[in-house]
Amino acid sequence: QVQLVESGGGLVQPGGSLRLSCTASGFFISTFAMTWYRQAPGKERELVGSMSTGGGSKTYTDSVKGRFAISRDNAKNTVYLQMNSLKPEDTAVYYCYAARGSTERWGQGTQVTVSS
């Protein structure tokens, strides 16, 4: 079965950290560009950060630069989003997205809530 499954979300206090994981099955992420998106209530889905197929190029939206980091472990077929210094405005459902040419796959999302 081809799918992406996110995990690692939860409730964290402002200033805390979380690491999200996105594990693929049925295909290999090593040949895909991997991206994390998020969607807050009442807002459009926005790109958080993206990593090229080889991992040599990474981009982040301005609001998370210096706080979030994308990485991948091809042996585990998993991509990660390390989130530090979390803020209440980071509260959202986070989605993993894989793309290669016209092929794209989405995960089901994991909730991240930043609140005291």
N, C-alpha and C. Protein backbone atom coordinates (compact mmCIF):
# COMPACT_ATOMS: atom_id res chain seq x y z
N GLN A 1 0.84 -1.19 0.00
CA GLN A 1 0.00 0.00 0.00
C GLN A 1 0.88 1.24 0.00
N VAL A 2 0.61 2.14 -0.95
CA VAL A 2 1.38 3.37 -1.06
C VAL A 2 0.80 4.40 -0.10
N GLN A 3 1.62 4.84 0.83
CA GLN A 3 1.12 5.86 1.76
C GLN A 3 2.26 6.56 2.48
N LEU A 4 1.90 7.71 3.03
CA LEU A 4 2.78 8.46 3.92
C LEU A 4 2.07 8.57 5.26
N VAL A 5 2.78 8.30 6.32
CA VAL A 5 2.17 8.35 7.64
C VAL A 5 2.99 9.27 8.54
N GLU A 6 2.35 10.34 8.99
CA GLU A 6 3.02 11.27 9.90
C GLU A 6 2.81 10.84 11.35
N SER A 7 3.75 11.22 12.19
CA SER A 7 3.63 10.99 13.62
C SER A 7 4.47 12.02 14.36
N GLY A 8 4.27 12.08 15.66
CA GLY A 8 5.09 12.96 16.49
C GLY A 8 4.42 14.24 16.92
N GLY A 9 3.21 14.48 16.45
CA GLY A 9 2.50 15.69 16.86
C GLY A 9 2.02 15.58 18.30
N GLY A 10 1.51 16.69 18.80
CA GLY A 10 1.00 16.69 20.16
C GLY A 10 0.89 18.09 20.72
N LEU A 11 0.72 18.16 22.02
CA LEU A 11 0.61 19.43 22.73
C LEU A 11 1.96 19.78 23.35
N VAL A 12 2.42 20.99 23.12
CA VAL A 12 3.71 21.43 23.66
C VAL A 12 3.57 22.88 24.11
N GLN A 13 4.32 23.25 25.13
CA GLN A 13 4.30 24.62 25.62
C GLN A 13 5.12 25.53 24.71
N PRO A 14 4.79 26.80 24.69
CA PRO A 14 5.61 27.74 23.91
C PRO A 14 7.08 27.65 24.32
N GLY A 15 7.94 27.68 23.31
CA GLY A 15 9.37 27.53 23.56
C GLY A 15 9.85 26.09 23.51
N GLY A 16 8.92 25.16 23.46
CA GLY A 16 9.29 23.75 23.43
C GLY A 16 9.64 23.25 22.04
N SER A 17 9.90 21.96 21.96
CA SER A 17 10.31 21.33 20.71
C SER A 17 9.50 20.08 20.44
N LEU A 18 9.38 19.78 19.17
CA LEU A 18 8.79 18.52 18.71
C LEU A 18 9.53 18.08 17.47
N ARG A 19 9.55 16.77 17.25
CA ARG A 19 10.07 16.25 16.00
C ARG A 19 8.99 15.42 15.33
N LEU A 20 8.59 15.86 14.16
CA LEU A 20 7.61 15.11 13.38
C LEU A 20 8.34 14.13 12.47
N SER A 21 7.71 12.99 12.26
CA SER A 21 8.24 11.98 11.35
C SER A 21 7.21 11.70 10.27
N CYS A 22 7.70 11.35 9.12
CA CYS A 22 6.83 10.97 7.99
C CYS A 22 7.46 9.76 7.34
N THR A 23 6.83 8.62 7.51
CA THR A 23 7.36 7.37 6.99
C THR A 23 6.56 6.90 5.79
N ALA A 24 7.27 6.56 4.74
CA ALA A 24 6.63 6.12 3.50
C ALA A 24 6.59 4.60 3.42
N SER A 25 5.56 4.11 2.79
CA SER A 25 5.47 2.69 2.47
C SER A 25 4.98 2.56 1.04
N GLY A 26 5.46 1.53 0.37
CA GLY A 26 5.04 1.30 -1.01
C GLY A 26 5.84 2.07 -2.04
N PHE A 27 6.74 2.94 -1.60
CA PHE A 27 7.62 3.66 -2.52
C PHE A 27 8.80 4.18 -1.70
N PHE A 28 9.83 4.66 -2.40
CA PHE A 28 11.05 5.11 -1.74
C PHE A 28 11.17 6.63 -1.82
N ILE A 29 11.29 7.26 -0.67
CA ILE A 29 11.36 8.72 -0.64
C ILE A 29 12.66 9.25 -1.23
N SER A 30 13.64 8.38 -1.40
CA SER A 30 14.94 8.84 -1.90
C SER A 30 14.84 9.43 -3.30
N THR A 31 13.80 9.09 -4.04
CA THR A 31 13.64 9.61 -5.40
C THR A 31 12.59 10.71 -5.48
N PHE A 32 12.15 11.20 -4.33
CA PHE A 32 11.12 12.23 -4.27
C PHE A 32 11.64 13.47 -3.55
N ALA A 33 11.17 14.63 -3.99
CA ALA A 33 11.32 15.84 -3.20
C ALA A 33 10.28 15.78 -2.08
N MET A 34 10.70 16.15 -0.89
CA MET A 34 9.83 16.02 0.27
C MET A 34 9.54 17.40 0.86
N THR A 35 8.30 17.62 1.22
CA THR A 35 7.86 18.92 1.71
C THR A 35 6.94 18.73 2.91
N TRP A 36 7.06 19.65 3.86
CA TRP A 36 6.11 19.73 4.97
C TRP A 36 5.22 20.96 4.74
N TYR A 37 3.92 20.74 4.88
CA TYR A 37 2.94 21.82 4.84
C TYR A 37 2.22 21.85 6.20
N ARG A 38 1.54 22.94 6.43
CA ARG A 38 0.68 23.01 7.61
C ARG A 38 -0.57 23.82 7.30
N GLN A 39 -1.61 23.53 8.07
CA GLN A 39 -2.86 24.26 7.90
C GLN A 39 -3.46 24.53 9.26
N ALA A 40 -3.58 25.81 9.56
CA ALA A 40 -4.19 26.24 10.81
C ALA A 40 -5.69 26.42 10.60
N PRO A 41 -6.49 26.35 11.64
CA PRO A 41 -7.93 26.52 11.51
C PRO A 41 -8.29 27.84 10.83
N GLY A 42 -9.12 27.77 9.81
CA GLY A 42 -9.57 28.96 9.11
C GLY A 42 -8.57 29.57 8.16
N LYS A 43 -7.44 28.89 7.98
CA LYS A 43 -6.40 29.42 7.10
C LYS A 43 -6.09 28.44 5.97
N GLU A 44 -5.45 28.95 4.93
CA GLU A 44 -5.05 28.10 3.83
C GLU A 44 -3.82 27.28 4.22
N ARG A 45 -3.68 26.16 3.53
CA ARG A 45 -2.49 25.34 3.75
C ARG A 45 -1.27 26.11 3.25
N GLU A 46 -0.19 26.09 4.04
CA GLU A 46 1.02 26.81 3.66
C GLU A 46 2.23 25.88 3.71
N LEU A 47 3.18 26.18 2.84
CA LEU A 47 4.42 25.41 2.82
C LEU A 47 5.27 25.81 4.01
N VAL A 48 5.77 24.83 4.71
CA VAL A 48 6.65 25.07 5.85
C VAL A 48 8.11 24.96 5.43
N GLY A 49 8.44 23.87 4.79
CA GLY A 49 9.80 23.66 4.34
C GLY A 49 9.86 22.53 3.35
N SER A 50 10.89 22.55 2.51
CA SER A 50 11.00 21.57 1.45
C SER A 50 12.45 21.15 1.29
N MET A 51 12.63 19.89 0.88
CA MET A 51 13.96 19.34 0.66
C MET A 51 13.99 18.69 -0.71
N SER A 52 15.05 18.98 -1.47
CA SER A 52 15.19 18.40 -2.80
C SER A 52 15.43 16.89 -2.70
N THR A 53 15.37 16.23 -3.85
CA THR A 53 15.52 14.77 -3.89
C THR A 53 16.82 14.33 -3.25
N GLY A 54 17.89 14.98 -3.58
CA GLY A 54 19.18 14.60 -3.02
C GLY A 54 19.44 15.15 -1.64
N GLY A 55 18.57 16.03 -1.19
CA GLY A 55 18.74 16.60 0.14
C GLY A 55 19.68 17.79 0.19
N GLY A 56 20.25 18.16 -0.96
CA GLY A 56 21.23 19.23 -0.96
C GLY A 56 20.63 20.62 -0.91
N SER A 57 19.35 20.72 -1.21
CA SER A 57 18.69 22.03 -1.22
C SER A 57 17.50 21.99 -0.29
N LYS A 58 17.46 22.95 0.62
CA LYS A 58 16.35 23.06 1.57
C LYS A 58 15.83 24.50 1.57
N THR A 59 14.55 24.64 1.63
CA THR A 59 13.94 25.96 1.73
C THR A 59 12.91 25.96 2.84
N TYR A 60 12.73 27.12 3.45
CA TYR A 60 11.78 27.26 4.55
C TYR A 60 11.00 28.56 4.39
N THR A 61 9.77 28.53 4.87
CA THR A 61 9.03 29.78 4.92
C THR A 61 9.66 30.68 5.98
N ASP A 62 9.57 31.98 5.78
CA ASP A 62 10.30 32.92 6.63
C ASP A 62 9.97 32.76 8.12
N SER A 63 8.73 32.44 8.42
CA SER A 63 8.31 32.40 9.81
C SER A 63 8.94 31.26 10.61
N VAL A 64 9.55 30.28 9.93
CA VAL A 64 10.14 29.15 10.67
C VAL A 64 11.66 29.07 10.49
N LYS A 65 12.23 29.94 9.68
CA LYS A 65 13.67 29.91 9.46
C LYS A 65 14.42 30.07 10.78
N GLY A 66 15.42 29.22 10.96
CA GLY A 66 16.20 29.26 12.18
C GLY A 66 15.59 28.47 13.32
N ARG A 67 14.35 28.03 13.17
CA ARG A 67 13.69 27.26 14.23
C ARG A 67 13.37 25.83 13.80
N PHE A 68 13.04 25.65 12.53
CA PHE A 68 12.65 24.34 12.01
C PHE A 68 13.74 23.80 11.09
N ALA A 69 13.85 22.49 11.01
CA ALA A 69 14.83 21.87 10.13
C ALA A 69 14.27 20.56 9.57
N ILE A 70 14.42 20.40 8.27
CA ILE A 70 14.00 19.17 7.59
C ILE A 70 15.23 18.27 7.40
N SER A 71 15.01 16.99 7.59
CA SER A 71 16.06 16.02 7.30
C SER A 71 15.40 14.74 6.82
N ARG A 72 16.20 13.87 6.24
CA ARG A 72 15.66 12.59 5.79
C ARG A 72 16.62 11.48 6.10
N ASP A 73 16.07 10.30 6.32
CA ASP A 73 16.84 9.08 6.50
C ASP A 73 16.32 8.09 5.48
N ASN A 74 17.03 8.00 4.36
CA ASN A 74 16.54 7.14 3.29
C ASN A 74 16.51 5.66 3.70
N ALA A 75 17.42 5.27 4.57
CA ALA A 75 17.44 3.88 5.01
C ALA A 75 16.16 3.52 5.77
N LYS A 76 15.60 4.51 6.48
CA LYS A 76 14.36 4.30 7.21
C LYS A 76 13.15 4.75 6.40
N ASN A 77 13.42 5.28 5.19
CA ASN A 77 12.35 5.76 4.33
C ASN A 77 11.48 6.80 5.04
N THR A 78 12.16 7.68 5.76
CA THR A 78 11.48 8.63 6.64
C THR A 78 12.07 10.02 6.48
N VAL A 79 11.19 11.01 6.53
CA VAL A 79 11.61 12.41 6.55
C VAL A 79 11.15 13.01 7.88
N TYR A 80 11.93 13.93 8.39
CA TYR A 80 11.67 14.51 9.70
C TYR A 80 11.50 16.03 9.60
N LEU A 81 10.79 16.58 10.55
CA LEU A 81 10.71 18.02 10.73
C LEU A 81 10.99 18.31 12.20
N GLN A 82 12.19 18.80 12.48
CA GLN A 82 12.55 19.19 13.84
C GLN A 82 12.07 20.61 14.06
N MET A 83 11.26 20.80 15.08
CA MET A 83 10.68 22.10 15.36
C MET A 83 11.10 22.56 16.75
N ASN A 84 11.83 23.65 16.80
CA ASN A 84 12.31 24.21 18.06
C ASN A 84 11.70 25.59 18.29
N SER A 85 11.80 26.06 19.52
CA SER A 85 11.28 27.39 19.88
C SER A 85 9.86 27.60 19.37
N LEU A 86 9.04 26.63 19.62
CA LEU A 86 7.67 26.67 19.09
C LEU A 86 6.87 27.83 19.66
N LYS A 87 6.01 28.36 18.81
CA LYS A 87 5.16 29.49 19.16
C LYS A 87 3.69 29.10 19.00
N PRO A 88 2.79 29.77 19.68
CA PRO A 88 1.36 29.46 19.50
C PRO A 88 0.91 29.53 18.05
N GLU A 89 1.52 30.42 17.29
CA GLU A 89 1.13 30.54 15.87
C GLU A 89 1.61 29.38 15.01
N ASP A 90 2.39 28.48 15.58
CA ASP A 90 2.78 27.25 14.87
C ASP A 90 1.71 26.17 14.99
N THR A 91 0.68 26.42 15.77
CA THR A 91 -0.40 25.46 15.92
C THR A 91 -1.09 25.21 14.58
N ALA A 92 -1.15 23.95 14.19
CA ALA A 92 -1.72 23.58 12.89
C ALA A 92 -1.69 22.07 12.74
N VAL A 93 -2.33 21.60 11.70
CA VAL A 93 -2.14 20.22 11.26
C VAL A 93 -0.99 20.24 10.26
N TYR A 94 -0.02 19.38 10.50
CA TYR A 94 1.16 19.32 9.64
C TYR A 94 1.06 18.11 8.72
N TYR A 95 1.33 18.36 7.44
CA TYR A 95 1.21 17.34 6.41
C TYR A 95 2.55 17.11 5.72
N CYS A 96 2.78 15.88 5.40
CA CYS A 96 3.94 15.49 4.64
C CYS A 96 3.51 15.31 3.18
N TYR A 97 4.38 15.72 2.26
CA TYR A 97 4.06 15.68 0.83
C TYR A 97 5.29 15.22 0.05
N ALA A 98 5.07 14.27 -0.85
CA ALA A 98 6.15 13.76 -1.69
C ALA A 98 5.80 14.04 -3.14
N ALA A 99 6.78 14.49 -3.91
CA ALA A 99 6.54 14.81 -5.32
C ALA A 99 7.70 14.38 -6.19
N ARG A 100 7.34 13.82 -7.35
CA ARG A 100 8.34 13.47 -8.36
C ARG A 100 7.63 13.55 -9.70
N GLY A 101 7.97 14.58 -10.47
CA GLY A 101 7.28 14.78 -11.73
C GLY A 101 5.79 14.99 -11.48
N SER A 102 4.96 14.19 -12.14
CA SER A 102 3.51 14.32 -11.99
C SER A 102 2.96 13.46 -10.85
N THR A 103 3.84 12.75 -10.18
CA THR A 103 3.43 11.88 -9.07
C THR A 103 3.51 12.65 -7.76
N GLU A 104 2.44 12.62 -7.00
CA GLU A 104 2.45 13.29 -5.71
C GLU A 104 1.66 12.45 -4.71
N ARG A 105 2.10 12.54 -3.45
CA ARG A 105 1.46 11.81 -2.38
C ARG A 105 1.40 12.66 -1.14
N TRP A 106 0.29 12.54 -0.42
CA TRP A 106 0.07 13.29 0.81
C TRP A 106 -0.12 12.33 1.98
N GLY A 107 0.34 12.77 3.13
CA GLY A 107 0.03 12.06 4.35
C GLY A 107 -1.30 12.56 4.90
N GLN A 108 -1.73 11.95 6.00
CA GLN A 108 -3.03 12.28 6.56
C GLN A 108 -2.97 13.45 7.54
N GLY A 109 -1.78 13.82 7.94
CA GLY A 109 -1.60 14.95 8.83
C GLY A 109 -1.46 14.56 10.29
N THR A 110 -0.76 15.42 11.03
CA THR A 110 -0.62 15.24 12.48
C THR A 110 -0.80 16.59 13.14
N GLN A 111 -1.55 16.61 14.23
CA GLN A 111 -1.88 17.87 14.89
C GLN A 111 -0.74 18.32 15.81
N VAL A 112 -0.37 19.58 15.68
CA VAL A 112 0.58 20.20 16.59
C VAL A 112 -0.13 21.38 17.26
N THR A 113 -0.15 21.37 18.58
CA THR A 113 -0.77 22.44 19.34
C THR A 113 0.26 23.03 20.29
N VAL A 114 0.48 24.33 20.17
CA VAL A 114 1.43 25.03 21.03
C VAL A 114 0.63 25.94 21.96
N SER A 115 0.61 25.59 23.22
CA SER A 115 -0.22 26.32 24.17
C SER A 115 0.30 26.10 25.59
N SER A 116 0.13 27.11 26.42
CA SER A 116 0.49 26.98 27.83
C SER A 116 -0.74 26.57 28.65
